[in-house]
Amino acid sequence: MLVRGDRLADTMSRYLIRRIEENPAIVLRTNTQIVALEGNGHLERVRWRDDRTGEGEANDIRHVFIMTGAVPNTGWLERCVVLDDKGFIKTGPELSQDDRPRRGGR
């Protein structure tokens, strides 16, 4: 996980920070930003730079999720996916049976 700032606490709740820090599959890199996305027809490689050291790194990565703020702009999706009362997309265990599409559409 790349974070442009010094720490997650500036933009994220303590609950989410704890989940990230406790997950052994997540490597957290602060003061780091993406400088290039590369591929031929699809994403194949991501390049980033550590802003403290200036060192760059590239890794074979095929998916990127970008969080640019804590206020969702998802109103245009409300007929395509299920949103919670704050406008965030519901996924996984957050989806109830009533949320799931029925055969033949909604």
N, C-alpha and C. Protein backbone atom coordinates (compact mmCIF):
# COMPACT_ATOMS: atom_id res chain seq x y z
N MET A 1 0.85 -1.15 0.00
CA MET A 1 0.00 0.00 0.00
C MET A 1 0.90 1.22 0.00
N LEU A 2 0.68 2.08 -0.99
CA LEU A 2 1.46 3.30 -1.10
C LEU A 2 0.66 4.47 -0.54
N VAL A 3 1.31 5.29 0.27
CA VAL A 3 0.69 6.45 0.87
C VAL A 3 1.57 7.66 0.60
N ARG A 4 1.01 8.69 0.00
CA ARG A 4 1.82 9.88 -0.32
C ARG A 4 2.31 10.61 0.92
N GLY A 5 1.51 10.60 1.98
CA GLY A 5 1.86 11.33 3.19
C GLY A 5 2.74 10.54 4.14
N ASP A 6 2.96 11.13 5.32
CA ASP A 6 3.81 10.51 6.34
C ASP A 6 3.16 9.33 7.04
N ARG A 7 1.81 9.34 7.10
CA ARG A 7 1.12 8.29 7.84
C ARG A 7 -0.33 8.22 7.42
N LEU A 8 -0.96 7.11 7.76
CA LEU A 8 -2.36 6.92 7.43
C LEU A 8 -3.29 7.72 8.33
N ALA A 9 -2.85 8.01 9.54
CA ALA A 9 -3.71 8.65 10.53
C ALA A 9 -4.26 10.00 10.06
N ASP A 10 -3.61 10.62 9.11
CA ASP A 10 -4.08 11.92 8.62
C ASP A 10 -5.39 11.81 7.84
N THR A 11 -5.65 10.64 7.27
CA THR A 11 -6.80 10.51 6.37
C THR A 11 -7.68 9.29 6.63
N MET A 12 -7.39 8.48 7.63
CA MET A 12 -8.10 7.22 7.79
C MET A 12 -8.44 6.97 9.25
N SER A 13 -9.51 6.24 9.48
CA SER A 13 -9.92 5.93 10.85
C SER A 13 -8.95 4.95 11.50
N ARG A 14 -8.87 5.00 12.82
CA ARG A 14 -7.98 4.11 13.58
C ARG A 14 -8.32 2.65 13.33
N TYR A 15 -9.61 2.34 13.20
CA TYR A 15 -10.05 0.97 12.95
C TYR A 15 -9.43 0.43 11.66
N LEU A 16 -9.50 1.20 10.59
CA LEU A 16 -8.94 0.75 9.32
C LEU A 16 -7.42 0.66 9.37
N ILE A 17 -6.80 1.62 10.03
CA ILE A 17 -5.34 1.60 10.16
C ILE A 17 -4.89 0.34 10.88
N ARG A 18 -5.57 -0.01 11.95
CA ARG A 18 -5.23 -1.22 12.71
C ARG A 18 -5.35 -2.47 11.83
N ARG A 19 -6.40 -2.55 11.03
CA ARG A 19 -6.58 -3.71 10.15
C ARG A 19 -5.46 -3.81 9.12
N ILE A 20 -5.03 -2.68 8.60
CA ILE A 20 -3.94 -2.65 7.63
C ILE A 20 -2.64 -3.07 8.30
N GLU A 21 -2.35 -2.49 9.45
CA GLU A 21 -1.10 -2.78 10.15
C GLU A 21 -1.01 -4.24 10.60
N GLU A 22 -2.15 -4.85 10.93
CA GLU A 22 -2.15 -6.22 11.42
C GLU A 22 -2.17 -7.27 10.32
N ASN A 23 -2.36 -6.85 9.08
CA ASN A 23 -2.43 -7.80 7.97
C ASN A 23 -1.02 -8.07 7.44
N PRO A 24 -0.53 -9.30 7.58
CA PRO A 24 0.84 -9.59 7.13
C PRO A 24 1.01 -9.54 5.61
N ALA A 25 -0.08 -9.54 4.88
CA ALA A 25 0.00 -9.49 3.42
C ALA A 25 0.15 -8.07 2.89
N ILE A 26 0.02 -7.07 3.77
CA ILE A 26 0.09 -5.67 3.33
C ILE A 26 1.43 -5.07 3.75
N VAL A 27 2.14 -4.54 2.76
CA VAL A 27 3.37 -3.78 3.01
C VAL A 27 3.01 -2.31 2.84
N LEU A 28 3.21 -1.54 3.88
CA LEU A 28 2.86 -0.12 3.88
C LEU A 28 4.09 0.71 3.57
N ARG A 29 3.99 1.55 2.54
CA ARG A 29 5.09 2.44 2.16
C ARG A 29 4.58 3.87 2.20
N THR A 30 5.04 4.64 3.17
CA THR A 30 4.63 6.03 3.28
C THR A 30 5.58 6.92 2.47
N ASN A 31 5.16 8.16 2.25
CA ASN A 31 5.96 9.12 1.45
C ASN A 31 6.35 8.53 0.10
N THR A 32 5.43 7.82 -0.49
CA THR A 32 5.69 7.12 -1.75
C THR A 32 4.53 7.38 -2.70
N GLN A 33 4.86 7.58 -3.97
CA GLN A 33 3.79 7.80 -4.94
C GLN A 33 4.07 7.09 -6.27
N ILE A 34 2.98 6.73 -6.93
CA ILE A 34 3.07 6.11 -8.25
C ILE A 34 3.59 7.16 -9.23
N VAL A 35 4.56 6.76 -10.04
CA VAL A 35 5.10 7.67 -11.06
C VAL A 35 4.83 7.17 -12.47
N ALA A 36 4.46 5.89 -12.63
CA ALA A 36 4.16 5.37 -13.97
C ALA A 36 3.33 4.09 -13.87
N LEU A 37 2.41 3.96 -14.81
CA LEU A 37 1.65 2.73 -15.02
C LEU A 37 2.01 2.27 -16.41
N GLU A 38 2.41 1.00 -16.54
CA GLU A 38 2.89 0.51 -17.84
C GLU A 38 2.16 -0.77 -18.24
N GLY A 39 2.03 -0.96 -19.53
CA GLY A 39 1.43 -2.17 -20.05
C GLY A 39 1.08 -2.03 -21.51
N ASN A 40 0.71 -3.14 -22.09
CA ASN A 40 0.33 -3.19 -23.50
C ASN A 40 -1.08 -3.75 -23.58
N GLY A 41 -2.07 -2.87 -23.57
CA GLY A 41 -3.46 -3.29 -23.61
C GLY A 41 -4.05 -3.54 -22.24
N HIS A 42 -3.23 -3.70 -21.23
CA HIS A 42 -3.67 -3.86 -19.84
C HIS A 42 -2.50 -3.51 -18.92
N LEU A 43 -2.81 -3.28 -17.66
CA LEU A 43 -1.76 -2.93 -16.71
C LEU A 43 -0.85 -4.13 -16.46
N GLU A 44 0.46 -3.91 -16.60
CA GLU A 44 1.44 -4.97 -16.38
C GLU A 44 2.45 -4.62 -15.29
N ARG A 45 2.75 -3.33 -15.14
CA ARG A 45 3.82 -2.93 -14.23
C ARG A 45 3.48 -1.56 -13.64
N VAL A 46 3.85 -1.39 -12.36
CA VAL A 46 3.67 -0.12 -11.67
C VAL A 46 5.03 0.35 -11.16
N ARG A 47 5.32 1.62 -11.40
CA ARG A 47 6.56 2.23 -10.90
C ARG A 47 6.19 3.26 -9.84
N TRP A 48 6.96 3.27 -8.76
CA TRP A 48 6.76 4.28 -7.73
C TRP A 48 8.08 4.81 -7.23
N ARG A 49 7.99 5.95 -6.50
CA ARG A 49 9.17 6.62 -5.99
C ARG A 49 8.98 6.94 -4.51
N ASP A 50 10.00 6.66 -3.73
CA ASP A 50 10.03 7.06 -2.33
C ASP A 50 10.46 8.52 -2.31
N ASP A 51 9.58 9.40 -1.87
CA ASP A 51 9.88 10.83 -1.91
C ASP A 51 10.94 11.27 -0.90
N ARG A 52 11.22 10.47 0.10
CA ARG A 52 12.26 10.81 1.07
C ARG A 52 13.65 10.55 0.50
N THR A 53 13.78 9.41 -0.22
CA THR A 53 15.09 9.01 -0.71
C THR A 53 15.27 9.29 -2.20
N GLY A 54 14.17 9.44 -2.92
CA GLY A 54 14.23 9.62 -4.37
C GLY A 54 14.38 8.31 -5.12
N GLU A 55 14.50 7.21 -4.38
CA GLU A 55 14.66 5.90 -5.02
C GLU A 55 13.36 5.44 -5.67
N GLY A 56 13.49 4.84 -6.85
CA GLY A 56 12.36 4.31 -7.56
C GLY A 56 12.36 2.79 -7.52
N GLU A 57 11.18 2.24 -7.76
CA GLU A 57 11.03 0.79 -7.78
C GLU A 57 9.95 0.45 -8.78
N ALA A 58 10.05 -0.69 -9.42
CA ALA A 58 9.03 -1.17 -10.35
C ALA A 58 8.67 -2.60 -9.99
N ASN A 59 7.39 -2.91 -10.09
CA ASN A 59 6.92 -4.26 -9.79
C ASN A 59 5.85 -4.66 -10.79
N ASP A 60 5.82 -5.95 -11.09
CA ASP A 60 4.77 -6.49 -11.95
C ASP A 60 3.48 -6.54 -11.15
N ILE A 61 2.55 -5.67 -11.52
CA ILE A 61 1.27 -5.55 -10.82
C ILE A 61 0.20 -5.37 -11.89
N ARG A 62 -0.90 -6.10 -11.77
CA ARG A 62 -1.94 -6.04 -12.78
C ARG A 62 -3.19 -5.30 -12.35
N HIS A 63 -3.27 -4.89 -11.07
CA HIS A 63 -4.45 -4.18 -10.59
C HIS A 63 -4.03 -3.05 -9.65
N VAL A 64 -4.69 -1.91 -9.75
CA VAL A 64 -4.41 -0.77 -8.87
C VAL A 64 -5.75 -0.21 -8.41
N PHE A 65 -5.84 0.06 -7.12
CA PHE A 65 -6.99 0.77 -6.55
C PHE A 65 -6.47 2.09 -6.03
N ILE A 66 -7.11 3.17 -6.44
CA ILE A 66 -6.68 4.49 -6.01
C ILE A 66 -7.75 5.10 -5.13
N MET A 67 -7.38 5.48 -3.92
CA MET A 67 -8.29 6.18 -3.02
C MET A 67 -7.85 7.63 -3.00
N THR A 68 -8.69 8.49 -3.53
CA THR A 68 -8.32 9.89 -3.63
C THR A 68 -9.03 10.78 -2.63
N GLY A 69 -9.85 10.19 -1.78
CA GLY A 69 -10.54 10.97 -0.77
C GLY A 69 -11.48 10.09 0.02
N ALA A 70 -11.99 10.62 1.11
CA ALA A 70 -12.85 9.84 1.99
C ALA A 70 -14.33 10.08 1.75
N VAL A 71 -14.67 10.96 0.81
CA VAL A 71 -16.07 11.22 0.50
C VAL A 71 -16.37 10.57 -0.86
N PRO A 72 -17.26 9.57 -0.87
CA PRO A 72 -17.53 8.87 -2.13
C PRO A 72 -18.27 9.75 -3.14
N ASN A 73 -17.96 9.54 -4.41
CA ASN A 73 -18.65 10.20 -5.51
C ASN A 73 -19.24 9.09 -6.37
N THR A 74 -20.23 8.39 -5.81
CA THR A 74 -20.75 7.17 -6.43
C THR A 74 -22.22 7.25 -6.81
N GLY A 75 -22.81 8.41 -6.72
CA GLY A 75 -24.23 8.54 -7.05
C GLY A 75 -24.58 8.00 -8.43
N TRP A 76 -23.68 8.15 -9.35
CA TRP A 76 -23.91 7.68 -10.72
C TRP A 76 -23.95 6.15 -10.81
N LEU A 77 -23.53 5.46 -9.74
CA LEU A 77 -23.51 3.99 -9.73
C LEU A 77 -24.75 3.37 -9.09
N GLU A 78 -25.64 4.18 -8.51
CA GLU A 78 -26.70 3.62 -7.69
C GLU A 78 -27.63 2.65 -8.42
N ARG A 79 -27.71 2.71 -9.71
CA ARG A 79 -28.54 1.74 -10.44
C ARG A 79 -27.74 0.50 -10.87
N CYS A 80 -26.42 0.53 -10.64
CA CYS A 80 -25.55 -0.57 -11.07
C CYS A 80 -25.09 -1.45 -9.92
N VAL A 81 -24.83 -0.84 -8.78
CA VAL A 81 -24.33 -1.56 -7.61
C VAL A 81 -25.08 -1.08 -6.37
N VAL A 82 -24.92 -1.80 -5.28
CA VAL A 82 -25.59 -1.43 -4.04
C VAL A 82 -24.68 -0.50 -3.24
N LEU A 83 -25.26 0.63 -2.81
CA LEU A 83 -24.53 1.61 -2.01
C LEU A 83 -25.09 1.63 -0.59
N ASP A 84 -24.22 1.93 0.38
CA ASP A 84 -24.72 2.09 1.74
C ASP A 84 -25.27 3.50 1.91
N ASP A 85 -25.74 3.82 3.11
CA ASP A 85 -26.38 5.12 3.33
C ASP A 85 -25.42 6.31 3.21
N LYS A 86 -24.10 6.05 3.20
CA LYS A 86 -23.11 7.12 3.03
C LYS A 86 -22.61 7.22 1.58
N GLY A 87 -23.06 6.28 0.72
CA GLY A 87 -22.66 6.31 -0.68
C GLY A 87 -21.49 5.40 -1.02
N PHE A 88 -21.02 4.61 -0.05
CA PHE A 88 -19.94 3.67 -0.33
C PHE A 88 -20.51 2.40 -0.95
N ILE A 89 -19.76 1.74 -1.81
CA ILE A 89 -20.20 0.52 -2.47
C ILE A 89 -20.17 -0.63 -1.46
N LYS A 90 -21.28 -1.34 -1.35
CA LYS A 90 -21.35 -2.49 -0.45
C LYS A 90 -20.71 -3.69 -1.14
N THR A 91 -19.88 -4.42 -0.40
CA THR A 91 -19.25 -5.63 -0.92
C THR A 91 -19.19 -6.69 0.15
N GLY A 92 -18.92 -7.92 -0.28
CA GLY A 92 -18.70 -9.02 0.65
C GLY A 92 -19.80 -9.17 1.68
N PRO A 93 -19.40 -9.35 2.96
CA PRO A 93 -20.39 -9.61 4.00
C PRO A 93 -21.31 -8.42 4.29
N GLU A 94 -20.99 -7.24 3.75
CA GLU A 94 -21.88 -6.09 3.93
C GLU A 94 -23.17 -6.25 3.13
N LEU A 95 -23.14 -7.08 2.09
CA LEU A 95 -24.32 -7.29 1.26
C LEU A 95 -25.27 -8.27 1.95
N SER A 96 -26.53 -7.87 2.08
CA SER A 96 -27.53 -8.77 2.63
C SER A 96 -28.19 -9.52 1.47
N GLN A 97 -28.98 -10.52 1.81
CA GLN A 97 -29.72 -11.25 0.77
C GLN A 97 -30.63 -10.31 0.00
N ASP A 98 -31.21 -9.33 0.68
CA ASP A 98 -32.10 -8.36 0.02
C ASP A 98 -31.36 -7.47 -0.96
N ASP A 99 -30.05 -7.27 -0.73
CA ASP A 99 -29.24 -6.43 -1.62
C ASP A 99 -28.89 -7.13 -2.92
N ARG A 100 -28.81 -8.44 -2.88
CA ARG A 100 -28.35 -9.21 -4.03
C ARG A 100 -29.40 -9.22 -5.14
N PRO A 101 -28.97 -9.11 -6.39
CA PRO A 101 -29.93 -9.10 -7.51
C PRO A 101 -30.65 -10.43 -7.62
N ARG A 102 -31.90 -10.32 -8.02
CA ARG A 102 -32.70 -11.53 -8.24
C ARG A 102 -32.59 -11.93 -9.70
N ARG A 103 -32.90 -13.17 -9.99
CA ARG A 103 -32.87 -13.61 -11.40
C ARG A 103 -33.80 -12.73 -12.22
N GLY A 104 -33.31 -12.36 -13.39
CA GLY A 104 -34.11 -11.52 -14.27
C GLY A 104 -33.96 -10.04 -13.99
N GLY A 105 -32.97 -9.69 -13.16
CA GLY A 105 -32.72 -8.27 -12.87
C GLY A 105 -33.27 -7.86 -11.53
N ARG A 106 -33.18 -6.57 -11.26
CA ARG A 106 -33.61 -6.06 -9.94
C ARG A 106 -35.03 -5.63 -9.95
